[in-house]
Amino acid sequence: MKVIISIPAYNEERTIGRVIDEINQVMTKTNYNYQIVVYNDGSIDNTEKIAKAHGAKVFSHKINRGLAITFQDEIKELIKLKADVIVHTDADGQYKAKHIPELISKVEQGYDLVLGSRFKKGPSYLPFLKEFGNKAFAKVLTKMINVPLTDTTTGYRAFTLDIAKEIKFINSFTYTQEQLIRASKQGFKIIEIPIESRKTRASKLFKSPLQYAFKAWINILRIYRDYDPIKFFGSAGLLFLILGFLLGLFIIAKVIMTGTAGGVPRVILTALFFFTGVQLISFGFLADMNQK
């Protein structure tokens, strides 16, 4: 079995060497055939040089493209390297390398995507708002994909070559939730294990927790729209139909009691609710047909 431990990095000269060394210390004690790959996202410091000096294979963007694009380009290269199992971790040292064999072991047991949860074992060291938001995302995604999860935004994960080949991304902000939703919809087996994490520097991905939450929710809705359009558009359409029905009942009652509808605008609004509801449900069926 060929295992590739992949690390996206952007200006991580202070930690990248230590992260690679820690991984080597853990993996040399196993029987796995492994390789460490660093995808340098246009760093302007010595990240690339240090990663190579510590024995990693390095791919690089000429300019900074962001984590989501880097992850997608990283996957393309790993497919070419024909990895059986891909372990994805961070370059800042947040995730302890000792859990890598545990992640791989779950893949060997038949799981396709294995997550390392920061919220099952010890402190996560995340700011309160970010931890609260991550747990909220986890509850929503758990209901959406029907898989019990506590940490859906973790970057510490192991997955098979099939996951790498089959999951196509549309997300320009974060890959974590998208990979989960798409893997679930495509029938892959998902599980998470408890991990210990470390306190690290502030995130480079977003300026504030509110900005992160807004973008993440937008992306979740986009993914859900694409993978279950009947339910996505149908739910919204049904809401409008119910509003139209209730307002229609009110108008009928008004006519019976007073002999008048109480004004043309109410009738127009009722018709508008019904028309919008039917249109949204139609959108759902049309989008579903286009997926076939």
C-alpha atoms as a PDB file:
ATOM      1  CA  MET A   1       0.000   0.000   0.000  1.00  0.00           C
ATOM      2  CA  LYS A   2       1.353   3.382  -1.030  1.00  0.00           C
ATOM      3  CA  VAL A   3       0.599   6.195   1.402  1.00  0.00           C
ATOM      4  CA  ILE A   4       1.154   9.847   0.548  1.00  0.00           C
ATOM      5  CA  ILE A   5       1.052  12.434   3.326  1.00  0.00           C
ATOM      6  CA  SER A   6       0.158  15.710   1.674  1.00  0.00           C
ATOM      7  CA  ILE A   7       0.753  19.154   3.168  1.00  0.00           C
ATOM      8  CA  PRO A   8      -0.439  22.422   1.586  1.00  0.00           C
ATOM      9  CA  ALA A   9       1.783  25.310   2.685  1.00  0.00           C
ATOM     10  CA  TYR A  10       1.879  29.068   2.344  1.00  0.00           C
ATOM     11  CA  ASN A  11       4.707  30.967   4.042  1.00  0.00           C
ATOM     12  CA  GLU A  12       5.282  28.258   6.651  1.00  0.00           C
ATOM     13  CA  GLU A  13       9.095  28.370   6.871  1.00  0.00           C
ATOM     14  CA  ARG A  14       8.938  28.449  10.680  1.00  0.00           C
ATOM     15  CA  THR A  15       7.060  25.164  11.023  1.00  0.00           C
ATOM     16  CA  ILE A  16       7.241  23.119   7.798  1.00  0.00           C
ATOM     17  CA  GLY A  17      10.562  21.444   8.625  1.00  0.00           C
ATOM     18  CA  ARG A  18       9.376  20.429  12.091  1.00  0.00           C
ATOM     19  CA  VAL A  19       6.099  19.063  10.696  1.00  0.00           C
ATOM     20  CA  ILE A  20       7.920  16.915   8.113  1.00  0.00           C
ATOM     21  CA  ASP A  21      10.381  15.619  10.717  1.00  0.00           C
ATOM     22  CA  GLU A  22       7.573  14.688  13.099  1.00  0.00           C
ATOM     23  CA  ILE A  23       5.779  12.781  10.338  1.00  0.00           C
ATOM     24  CA  ASN A  24       8.972  10.904   9.476  1.00  0.00           C
ATOM     25  CA  GLN A  25       9.517   9.991  13.133  1.00  0.00           C
ATOM     26  CA  VAL A  26       6.065   8.415  13.256  1.00  0.00           C
ATOM     27  CA  MET A  27       5.984   6.772   9.839  1.00  0.00           C
ATOM     28  CA  THR A  28       9.462   5.178   9.967  1.00  0.00           C
ATOM     29  CA  LYS A  29       8.172   3.078  12.870  1.00  0.00           C
ATOM     30  CA  THR A  30       5.439   1.615  10.638  1.00  0.00           C
ATOM     31  CA  ASN A  31       5.589  -0.780   7.702  1.00  0.00           C
ATOM     32  CA  TYR A  32       3.853   1.608   5.304  1.00  0.00           C
ATOM     33  CA  ASN A  33       5.459   2.632   2.021  1.00  0.00           C
ATOM     34  CA  TYR A  34       5.020   6.379   2.398  1.00  0.00           C
ATOM     35  CA  GLN A  35       5.992   9.646   0.780  1.00  0.00           C
ATOM     36  CA  ILE A  36       5.609  13.227   2.008  1.00  0.00           C
ATOM     37  CA  VAL A  37       4.414  15.792  -0.522  1.00  0.00           C
ATOM     38  CA  VAL A  38       4.273  19.546   0.080  1.00  0.00           C
ATOM     39  CA  TYR A  39       2.170  21.742  -2.192  1.00  0.00           C
ATOM     40  CA  ASN A  40       3.674  25.202  -1.904  1.00  0.00           C
ATOM     41  CA  ASP A  41       0.988  27.800  -2.623  1.00  0.00           C
ATOM     42  CA  GLY A  42       3.185  30.616  -3.950  1.00  0.00           C
ATOM     43  CA  SER A  43       5.123  31.197  -0.730  1.00  0.00           C
ATOM     44  CA  ILE A  44       7.474  34.172  -0.729  1.00  0.00           C
ATOM     45  CA  ASP A  45       9.602  32.861   2.135  1.00  0.00           C
ATOM     46  CA  ASN A  46      11.797  29.736   2.363  1.00  0.00           C
ATOM     47  CA  THR A  47       8.961  27.214   2.658  1.00  0.00           C
ATOM     48  CA  GLU A  48       9.856  25.402  -0.578  1.00  0.00           C
ATOM     49  CA  LYS A  49      13.579  25.292   0.173  1.00  0.00           C
ATOM     50  CA  ILE A  50      13.104  23.989   3.718  1.00  0.00           C
ATOM     51  CA  ALA A  51      10.536  21.366   2.653  1.00  0.00           C
ATOM     52  CA  LYS A  52      12.952  19.989   0.058  1.00  0.00           C
ATOM     53  CA  ALA A  53      15.811  20.035   2.564  1.00  0.00           C
ATOM     54  CA  HIS A  54      13.764  17.866   4.917  1.00  0.00           C
ATOM     55  CA  GLY A  55      13.071  15.301   2.196  1.00  0.00           C
ATOM     56  CA  ALA A  56       9.616  16.219   0.913  1.00  0.00           C
ATOM     57  CA  LYS A  57       8.596  16.198  -2.737  1.00  0.00           C
ATOM     58  CA  VAL A  58       7.455  19.740  -3.535  1.00  0.00           C
ATOM     59  CA  PHE A  59       4.962  21.107  -6.068  1.00  0.00           C
ATOM     60  CA  SER A  60       4.479  24.855  -6.301  1.00  0.00           C
ATOM     61  CA  HIS A  61       2.121  27.557  -7.500  1.00  0.00           C
ATOM     62  CA  LYS A  62       3.885  30.590  -8.896  1.00  0.00           C
ATOM     63  CA  ILE A  63       1.471  32.846  -7.024  1.00  0.00           C
ATOM     64  CA  ASN A  64      -0.786  32.342  -4.016  1.00  0.00           C
ATOM     65  CA  ARG A  65      -4.065  30.727  -5.145  1.00  0.00           C
ATOM     66  CA  GLY A  66      -5.729  29.941  -1.816  1.00  0.00           C
ATOM     67  CA  LEU A  67      -6.274  26.690   0.041  1.00  0.00           C
ATOM     68  CA  ALA A  68      -9.271  25.394  -1.932  1.00  0.00           C
ATOM     69  CA  ILE A  69      -7.536  25.747  -5.318  1.00  0.00           C
ATOM     70  CA  THR A  70      -4.313  24.373  -3.843  1.00  0.00           C
ATOM     71  CA  PHE A  71      -6.173  21.324  -2.517  1.00  0.00           C
ATOM     72  CA  GLN A  72      -7.688  20.641  -5.938  1.00  0.00           C
ATOM     73  CA  ASP A  73      -4.313  20.965  -7.706  1.00  0.00           C
ATOM     74  CA  GLU A  74      -2.735  18.871  -4.964  1.00  0.00           C
ATOM     75  CA  ILE A  75      -5.247  16.077  -5.623  1.00  0.00           C
ATOM     76  CA  LYS A  76      -4.421  16.087  -9.340  1.00  0.00           C
ATOM     77  CA  GLU A  77      -0.736  15.532  -8.595  1.00  0.00           C
ATOM     78  CA  LEU A  78      -1.445  12.814  -6.016  1.00  0.00           C
ATOM     79  CA  ILE A  79      -3.579  10.915  -8.527  1.00  0.00           C
ATOM     80  CA  LYS A  80      -0.605  10.954 -10.907  1.00  0.00           C
ATOM     81  CA  LEU A  81       1.569   9.546  -8.110  1.00  0.00           C
ATOM     82  CA  LYS A  82      -0.944   6.674  -7.726  1.00  0.00           C
ATOM     83  CA  ALA A  83      -1.359   6.838  -3.963  1.00  0.00           C
ATOM     84  CA  ASP A  84      -3.553   4.139  -2.420  1.00  0.00           C
ATOM     85  CA  VAL A  85      -4.197   6.283   0.653  1.00  0.00           C
ATOM     86  CA  ILE A  86      -3.838  10.051   0.928  1.00  0.00           C
ATOM     87  CA  VAL A  87      -3.390  11.676   4.326  1.00  0.00           C
ATOM     88  CA  HIS A  88      -3.958  15.422   4.341  1.00  0.00           C
ATOM     89  CA  THR A  89      -2.569  17.555   7.152  1.00  0.00           C
ATOM     90  CA  ASP A  90      -1.569  21.166   7.828  1.00  0.00           C
ATOM     91  CA  ALA A  91       1.829  22.826   7.664  1.00  0.00           C
ATOM     92  CA  ASP A  92       1.467  24.822  10.886  1.00  0.00           C
ATOM     93  CA  GLY A  93       1.801  21.843  13.225  1.00  0.00           C
ATOM     94  CA  GLN A  94      -1.766  21.970  14.526  1.00  0.00           C
ATOM     95  CA  TYR A  95      -2.287  18.234  14.006  1.00  0.00           C
ATOM     96  CA  LYS A  96      -0.117  15.674  15.796  1.00  0.00           C
ATOM     97  CA  ALA A  97       1.507  13.198  13.431  1.00  0.00           C
ATOM     98  CA  LYS A  98       1.006  10.296  15.841  1.00  0.00           C
ATOM     99  CA  HIS A  99      -2.577   9.944  14.588  1.00  0.00           C
ATOM    100  CA  ILE A 100      -1.598   9.268  10.956  1.00  0.00           C
ATOM    101  CA  PRO A 101      -1.373   5.460  11.401  1.00  0.00           C
ATOM    102  CA  GLU A 102      -4.806   5.554  13.099  1.00  0.00           C
ATOM    103  CA  LEU A 103      -6.307   7.367  10.098  1.00  0.00           C
ATOM    104  CA  ILE A 104      -4.710   4.903   7.678  1.00  0.00           C
ATOM    105  CA  SER A 105      -5.901   1.951   9.753  1.00  0.00           C
ATOM    106  CA  LYS A 106      -9.526   3.055   9.344  1.00  0.00           C
ATOM    107  CA  VAL A 107      -9.055   3.183   5.569  1.00  0.00           C
ATOM    108  CA  GLU A 108      -7.638  -0.344   5.704  1.00  0.00           C
ATOM    109  CA  GLN A 109     -10.806  -1.383   7.554  1.00  0.00           C
ATOM    110  CA  GLY A 110     -12.879  -0.304   4.555  1.00  0.00           C
ATOM    111  CA  TYR A 111     -13.665   3.372   5.105  1.00  0.00           C
ATOM    112  CA  ASP A 112     -13.163   5.772   2.199  1.00  0.00           C
ATOM    113  CA  LEU A 113     -12.887   9.066   4.094  1.00  0.00           C
ATOM    114  CA  VAL A 114     -11.597   9.327   7.669  1.00  0.00           C
ATOM    115  CA  LEU A 115     -11.666  12.601   9.610  1.00  0.00           C
ATOM    116  CA  GLY A 116      -9.599  13.587  12.625  1.00  0.00           C
ATOM    117  CA  SER A 117     -11.961  15.305  15.071  1.00  0.00           C
ATOM    118  CA  ARG A 118     -10.512  18.005  17.339  1.00  0.00           C
ATOM    119  CA  PHE A 119     -13.628  18.028  19.514  1.00  0.00           C
ATOM    120  CA  LYS A 120     -13.629  14.441  20.768  1.00  0.00           C
ATOM    121  CA  LYS A 121     -10.368  14.401  22.689  1.00  0.00           C
ATOM    122  CA  GLY A 122      -8.848  17.225  24.724  1.00  0.00           C
ATOM    123  CA  PRO A 123      -9.018  20.966  23.994  1.00  0.00           C
ATOM    124  CA  SER A 124      -9.253  22.113  20.379  1.00  0.00           C
ATOM    125  CA  TYR A 125      -7.421  25.409  21.079  1.00  0.00           C
ATOM    126  CA  LEU A 126      -9.769  27.161  18.653  1.00  0.00           C
ATOM    127  CA  PRO A 127     -11.236  30.600  19.415  1.00  0.00           C
ATOM    128  CA  PHE A 128     -14.689  30.324  21.002  1.00  0.00           C
ATOM    129  CA  LEU A 129     -16.602  31.683  17.994  1.00  0.00           C
ATOM    130  CA  LYS A 130     -14.764  29.441  15.547  1.00  0.00           C
ATOM    131  CA  GLU A 131     -15.308  26.350  17.680  1.00  0.00           C
ATOM    132  CA  PHE A 132     -18.977  27.229  18.108  1.00  0.00           C
ATOM    133  CA  GLY A 133     -19.351  27.721  14.351  1.00  0.00           C
ATOM    134  CA  ASN A 134     -17.556  24.465  13.539  1.00  0.00           C
ATOM    135  CA  LYS A 135     -19.810  22.504  15.885  1.00  0.00           C
ATOM    136  CA  ALA A 136     -22.878  24.156  14.348  1.00  0.00           C
ATOM    137  CA  PHE A 137     -21.686  23.185  10.847  1.00  0.00           C
ATOM    138  CA  ALA A 138     -21.152  19.632  12.090  1.00  0.00           C
ATOM    139  CA  LYS A 139     -24.731  19.338  13.380  1.00  0.00           C
ATOM    140  CA  VAL A 140     -26.162  20.610  10.103  1.00  0.00           C
ATOM    141  CA  LEU A 141     -23.979  18.360   7.970  1.00  0.00           C
ATOM    142  CA  THR A 142     -24.699  15.365  10.203  1.00  0.00           C
ATOM    143  CA  LYS A 143     -28.398  15.754   9.411  1.00  0.00           C
ATOM    144  CA  MET A 144     -27.693  16.473   5.758  1.00  0.00           C
ATOM    145  CA  ILE A 145     -25.529  13.421   5.067  1.00  0.00           C
ATOM    146  CA  ASN A 146     -26.842  11.161   7.868  1.00  0.00           C
ATOM    147  CA  VAL A 147     -23.355  10.457   9.237  1.00  0.00           C
ATOM    148  CA  PRO A 148     -22.594  11.331  12.899  1.00  0.00           C
ATOM    149  CA  LEU A 149     -19.741  13.851  12.844  1.00  0.00           C
ATOM    150  CA  THR A 150     -18.381  16.414  15.302  1.00  0.00           C
ATOM    151  CA  ASP A 151     -15.691  18.187  13.254  1.00  0.00           C
ATOM    152  CA  THR A 152     -16.523  18.726   9.582  1.00  0.00           C
ATOM    153  CA  THR A 153     -13.973  21.500   8.999  1.00  0.00           C
ATOM    154  CA  THR A 154     -10.907  19.555  10.072  1.00  0.00           C
ATOM    155  CA  GLY A 155      -8.053  19.508   7.574  1.00  0.00           C
ATOM    156  CA  TYR A 156      -6.699  16.297   9.097  1.00  0.00           C
ATOM    157  CA  ARG A 157      -8.157  13.478   7.027  1.00  0.00           C
ATOM    158  CA  ALA A 158      -7.277  10.315   5.161  1.00  0.00           C
ATOM    159  CA  PHE A 159      -9.016   9.106   2.022  1.00  0.00           C
ATOM    160  CA  THR A 160      -8.718   6.618  -0.793  1.00  0.00           C
ATOM    161  CA  LEU A 161      -7.607   7.134  -4.363  1.00  0.00           C
ATOM    162  CA  ASP A 162     -11.234   6.593  -5.434  1.00  0.00           C
ATOM    163  CA  ILE A 163     -12.301   9.612  -3.358  1.00  0.00           C
ATOM    164  CA  ALA A 164      -9.528  11.657  -4.976  1.00  0.00           C
ATOM    165  CA  LYS A 165     -10.622  10.638  -8.474  1.00  0.00           C
ATOM    166  CA  GLU A 166     -14.395  10.812  -8.080  1.00  0.00           C
ATOM    167  CA  ILE A 167     -14.971  13.991  -6.044  1.00  0.00           C
ATOM    168  CA  LYS A 168     -15.216  17.075  -8.263  1.00  0.00           C
ATOM    169  CA  PHE A 169     -15.167  20.477  -6.579  1.00  0.00           C
ATOM    170  CA  ILE A 170     -16.970  23.752  -7.331  1.00  0.00           C
ATOM    171  CA  ASN A 171     -15.963  25.431  -4.090  1.00  0.00           C
ATOM    172  CA  SER A 172     -13.678  28.461  -4.219  1.00  0.00           C
ATOM    173  CA  PHE A 173     -13.421  28.915  -0.457  1.00  0.00           C
ATOM    174  CA  THR A 174     -13.066  25.693   1.533  1.00  0.00           C
ATOM    175  CA  TYR A 175     -12.873  22.081   0.448  1.00  0.00           C
ATOM    176  CA  THR A 176     -13.691  20.437   3.783  1.00  0.00           C
ATOM    177  CA  GLN A 177     -17.500  20.413   3.829  1.00  0.00           C
ATOM    178  CA  GLU A 178     -17.748  19.965   0.074  1.00  0.00           C
ATOM    179  CA  GLN A 179     -15.662  16.801   0.085  1.00  0.00           C
ATOM    180  CA  LEU A 180     -17.847  15.407   2.862  1.00  0.00           C
ATOM    181  CA  ILE A 181     -21.181  16.137   1.196  1.00  0.00           C
ATOM    182  CA  ARG A 182     -20.084  14.892  -2.198  1.00  0.00           C
ATOM    183  CA  ALA A 183     -18.516  11.734  -0.733  1.00  0.00           C
ATOM    184  CA  SER A 184     -21.723  10.976   1.164  1.00  0.00           C
ATOM    185  CA  LYS A 185     -23.958  11.569  -1.853  1.00  0.00           C
ATOM    186  CA  GLN A 186     -21.754   9.268  -3.938  1.00  0.00           C
ATOM    187  CA  GLY A 187     -22.025   6.439  -1.425  1.00  0.00           C
ATOM    188  CA  PHE A 188     -18.544   6.490   0.109  1.00  0.00           C
ATOM    189  CA  LYS A 189     -18.086   5.313   3.718  1.00  0.00           C
ATOM    190  CA  ILE A 190     -17.183   8.100   6.160  1.00  0.00           C
ATOM    191  CA  ILE A 191     -16.025   7.973   9.781  1.00  0.00           C
ATOM    192  CA  GLU A 192     -14.120  10.168  12.231  1.00  0.00           C
ATOM    193  CA  ILE A 193     -11.618   9.423  14.984  1.00  0.00           C
ATOM    194  CA  PRO A 194     -10.614  11.540  17.993  1.00  0.00           C
ATOM    195  CA  ILE A 195      -7.307  13.390  17.701  1.00  0.00           C
ATOM    196  CA  GLU A 196      -5.247  15.753  19.804  1.00  0.00           C
ATOM    197  CA  SER A 197      -4.349  19.131  18.330  1.00  0.00           C
ATOM    198  CA  ARG A 198      -2.050  22.002  19.217  1.00  0.00           C
ATOM    199  CA  LYS A 199      -2.539  25.728  19.544  1.00  0.00           C
ATOM    200  CA  THR A 200      -1.151  27.504  16.474  1.00  0.00           C
ATOM    201  CA  ARG A 201      -1.052  30.909  14.866  1.00  0.00           C
ATOM    202  CA  ALA A 202      -4.219  32.687  13.721  1.00  0.00           C
ATOM    203  CA  SER A 203      -5.845  31.338  10.559  1.00  0.00           C
ATOM    204  CA  LYS A 204      -4.754  32.779   7.208  1.00  0.00           C
ATOM    205  CA  LEU A 205      -8.001  31.787   5.515  1.00  0.00           C
ATOM    206  CA  PHE A 206     -10.364  34.453   6.814  1.00  0.00           C
ATOM    207  CA  LYS A 207     -10.358  37.827   8.520  1.00  0.00           C
ATOM    208  CA  SER A 208     -13.094  37.037  11.035  1.00  0.00           C
ATOM    209  CA  PRO A 209     -15.313  34.123  12.162  1.00  0.00           C
ATOM    210  CA  LEU A 210     -18.336  35.920  10.698  1.00  0.00           C
ATOM    211  CA  GLN A 211     -16.705  36.121   7.264  1.00  0.00           C
ATOM    212  CA  TYR A 212     -15.840  32.428   7.431  1.00  0.00           C
ATOM    213  CA  ALA A 213     -19.354  31.455   8.531  1.00  0.00           C
ATOM    214  CA  PHE A 214     -21.014  33.484   5.764  1.00  0.00           C
ATOM    215  CA  LYS A 215     -18.864  31.988   3.011  1.00  0.00           C
ATOM    216  CA  ALA A 216     -19.112  28.471   4.394  1.00  0.00           C
ATOM    217  CA  TRP A 217     -22.925  28.542   4.597  1.00  0.00           C
ATOM    218  CA  ILE A 218     -23.170  29.909   1.057  1.00  0.00           C
ATOM    219  CA  ASN A 219     -20.983  27.078  -0.186  1.00  0.00           C
ATOM    220  CA  ILE A 220     -22.960  24.444   1.723  1.00  0.00           C
ATOM    221  CA  LEU A 221     -26.167  25.706   0.099  1.00  0.00           C
ATOM    222  CA  ARG A 222     -24.543  25.633  -3.350  1.00  0.00           C
ATOM    223  CA  ILE A 223     -23.368  22.049  -2.879  1.00  0.00           C
ATOM    224  CA  TYR A 224     -26.743  20.938  -1.509  1.00  0.00           C
ATOM    225  CA  ARG A 225     -28.480  22.653  -4.439  1.00  0.00           C
ATOM    226  CA  ASP A 226     -26.348  20.735  -6.938  1.00  0.00           C
ATOM    227  CA  TYR A 227     -26.604  17.320  -5.270  1.00  0.00           C
ATOM    228  CA  ASP A 228     -30.241  17.271  -4.153  1.00  0.00           C
ATOM    229  CA  PRO A 229     -32.032  19.863  -6.311  1.00  0.00           C
ATOM    230  CA  ILE A 230     -35.510  18.375  -5.829  1.00  0.00           C
ATOM    231  CA  LYS A 231     -35.265  18.666  -2.050  1.00  0.00           C
ATOM    232  CA  PHE A 232     -33.499  22.052  -2.213  1.00  0.00           C
ATOM    233  CA  PHE A 233     -35.940  23.752  -4.587  1.00  0.00           C
ATOM    234  CA  GLY A 234     -38.879  21.612  -3.478  1.00  0.00           C
ATOM    235  CA  SER A 235     -38.582  22.721   0.154  1.00  0.00           C
ATOM    236  CA  ALA A 236     -38.562  26.379  -0.852  1.00  0.00           C
ATOM    237  CA  GLY A 237     -41.421  25.823  -3.304  1.00  0.00           C
ATOM    238  CA  LEU A 238     -43.504  24.001  -0.707  1.00  0.00           C
ATOM    239  CA  LEU A 239     -43.049  26.904   1.701  1.00  0.00           C
ATOM    240  CA  PHE A 240     -44.474  29.337  -0.855  1.00  0.00           C
ATOM    241  CA  LEU A 241     -47.370  26.982  -1.629  1.00  0.00           C
ATOM    242  CA  ILE A 242     -48.220  26.747   2.077  1.00  0.00           C
ATOM    243  CA  LEU A 243     -48.106  30.543   2.404  1.00  0.00           C
ATOM    244  CA  GLY A 244     -50.375  30.845  -0.638  1.00  0.00           C
ATOM    245  CA  PHE A 245     -52.766  28.239   0.746  1.00  0.00           C
ATOM    246  CA  LEU A 246     -52.988  29.920   4.157  1.00  0.00           C
ATOM    247  CA  LEU A 247     -53.513  33.355   2.647  1.00  0.00           C
ATOM    248  CA  GLY A 248     -56.099  31.862   0.286  1.00  0.00           C
ATOM    249  CA  LEU A 249     -58.001  30.381   3.243  1.00  0.00           C
ATOM    250  CA  PHE A 250     -57.938  33.772   4.925  1.00  0.00           C
ATOM    251  CA  ILE A 251     -59.359  35.438   1.815  1.00  0.00           C
ATOM    252  CA  ILE A 252     -62.117  32.796   1.471  1.00  0.00           C
ATOM    253  CA  ALA A 253     -63.052  33.253   5.119  1.00  0.00           C
ATOM    254  CA  LYS A 254     -63.059  37.022   4.604  1.00  0.00           C
ATOM    255  CA  VAL A 255     -65.383  36.668   1.592  1.00  0.00           C
ATOM    256  CA  ILE A 256     -67.765  34.395   3.517  1.00  0.00           C
ATOM    257  CA  MET A 257     -67.866  36.703   6.521  1.00  0.00           C
ATOM    258  CA  THR A 258     -67.903  40.113   4.841  1.00  0.00           C
ATOM    259  CA  GLY A 259     -68.668  39.498   1.182  1.00  0.00           C
ATOM    260  CA  THR A 260     -65.344  40.985   0.087  1.00  0.00           C
ATOM    261  CA  ALA A 261     -61.775  39.715  -0.265  1.00  0.00           C
ATOM    262  CA  GLY A 262     -60.476  42.740   1.573  1.00  0.00           C
ATOM    263  CA  GLY A 263     -58.528  44.166  -1.343  1.00  0.00           C
ATOM    264  CA  VAL A 264     -56.986  43.137  -4.670  1.00  0.00           C
ATOM    265  CA  PRO A 265     -53.382  43.101  -3.353  1.00  0.00           C
ATOM    266  CA  ARG A 266     -54.160  40.082  -1.139  1.00  0.00           C
ATOM    267  CA  VAL A 267     -55.496  38.125  -4.103  1.00  0.00           C
ATOM    268  CA  ILE A 268     -52.473  39.061  -6.211  1.00  0.00           C
ATOM    269  CA  LEU A 269     -50.115  38.064  -3.365  1.00  0.00           C
ATOM    270  CA  THR A 270     -51.851  34.675  -3.022  1.00  0.00           C
ATOM    271  CA  ALA A 271     -51.474  34.013  -6.743  1.00  0.00           C
ATOM    272  CA  LEU A 272     -47.850  35.127  -6.577  1.00  0.00           C
ATOM    273  CA  PHE A 273     -47.130  32.701  -3.727  1.00  0.00           C
ATOM    274  CA  PHE A 274     -48.672  29.801  -5.670  1.00  0.00           C
ATOM    275  CA  PHE A 275     -46.889  30.735  -8.903  1.00  0.00           C
ATOM    276  CA  THR A 276     -43.504  31.048  -7.146  1.00  0.00           C
ATOM    277  CA  GLY A 277     -43.991  27.727  -5.356  1.00  0.00           C
ATOM    278  CA  VAL A 278     -44.849  25.837  -8.537  1.00  0.00           C
ATOM    279  CA  GLN A 279     -41.950  27.480 -10.369  1.00  0.00           C
ATOM    280  CA  LEU A 280     -39.407  26.550  -7.678  1.00  0.00           C
ATOM    281  CA  ILE A 281     -40.584  22.934  -7.611  1.00  0.00           C
ATOM    282  CA  SER A 282     -40.321  22.855 -11.419  1.00  0.00           C
ATOM    283  CA  PHE A 283     -36.742  24.168 -11.167  1.00  0.00           C
ATOM    284  CA  GLY A 284     -35.955  21.264  -8.838  1.00  0.00           C
ATOM    285  CA  PHE A 285     -37.236  18.640 -11.272  1.00  0.00           C
ATOM    286  CA  LEU A 286     -35.483  20.272 -14.228  1.00  0.00           C
ATOM    287  CA  ALA A 287     -32.166  20.429 -12.333  1.00  0.00           C
ATOM    288  CA  ASP A 288     -32.575  16.795 -11.309  1.00  0.00           C
ATOM    289  CA  MET A 289     -33.189  15.786 -14.933  1.00  0.00           C
ATOM    290  CA  ASN A 290     -30.010  17.562 -16.014  1.00  0.00           C
ATOM    291  CA  GLN A 291     -28.020  15.450 -13.554  1.00  0.00           C
ATOM    292  CA  LYS A 292     -29.062  12.172 -15.183  1.00  0.00           C
END
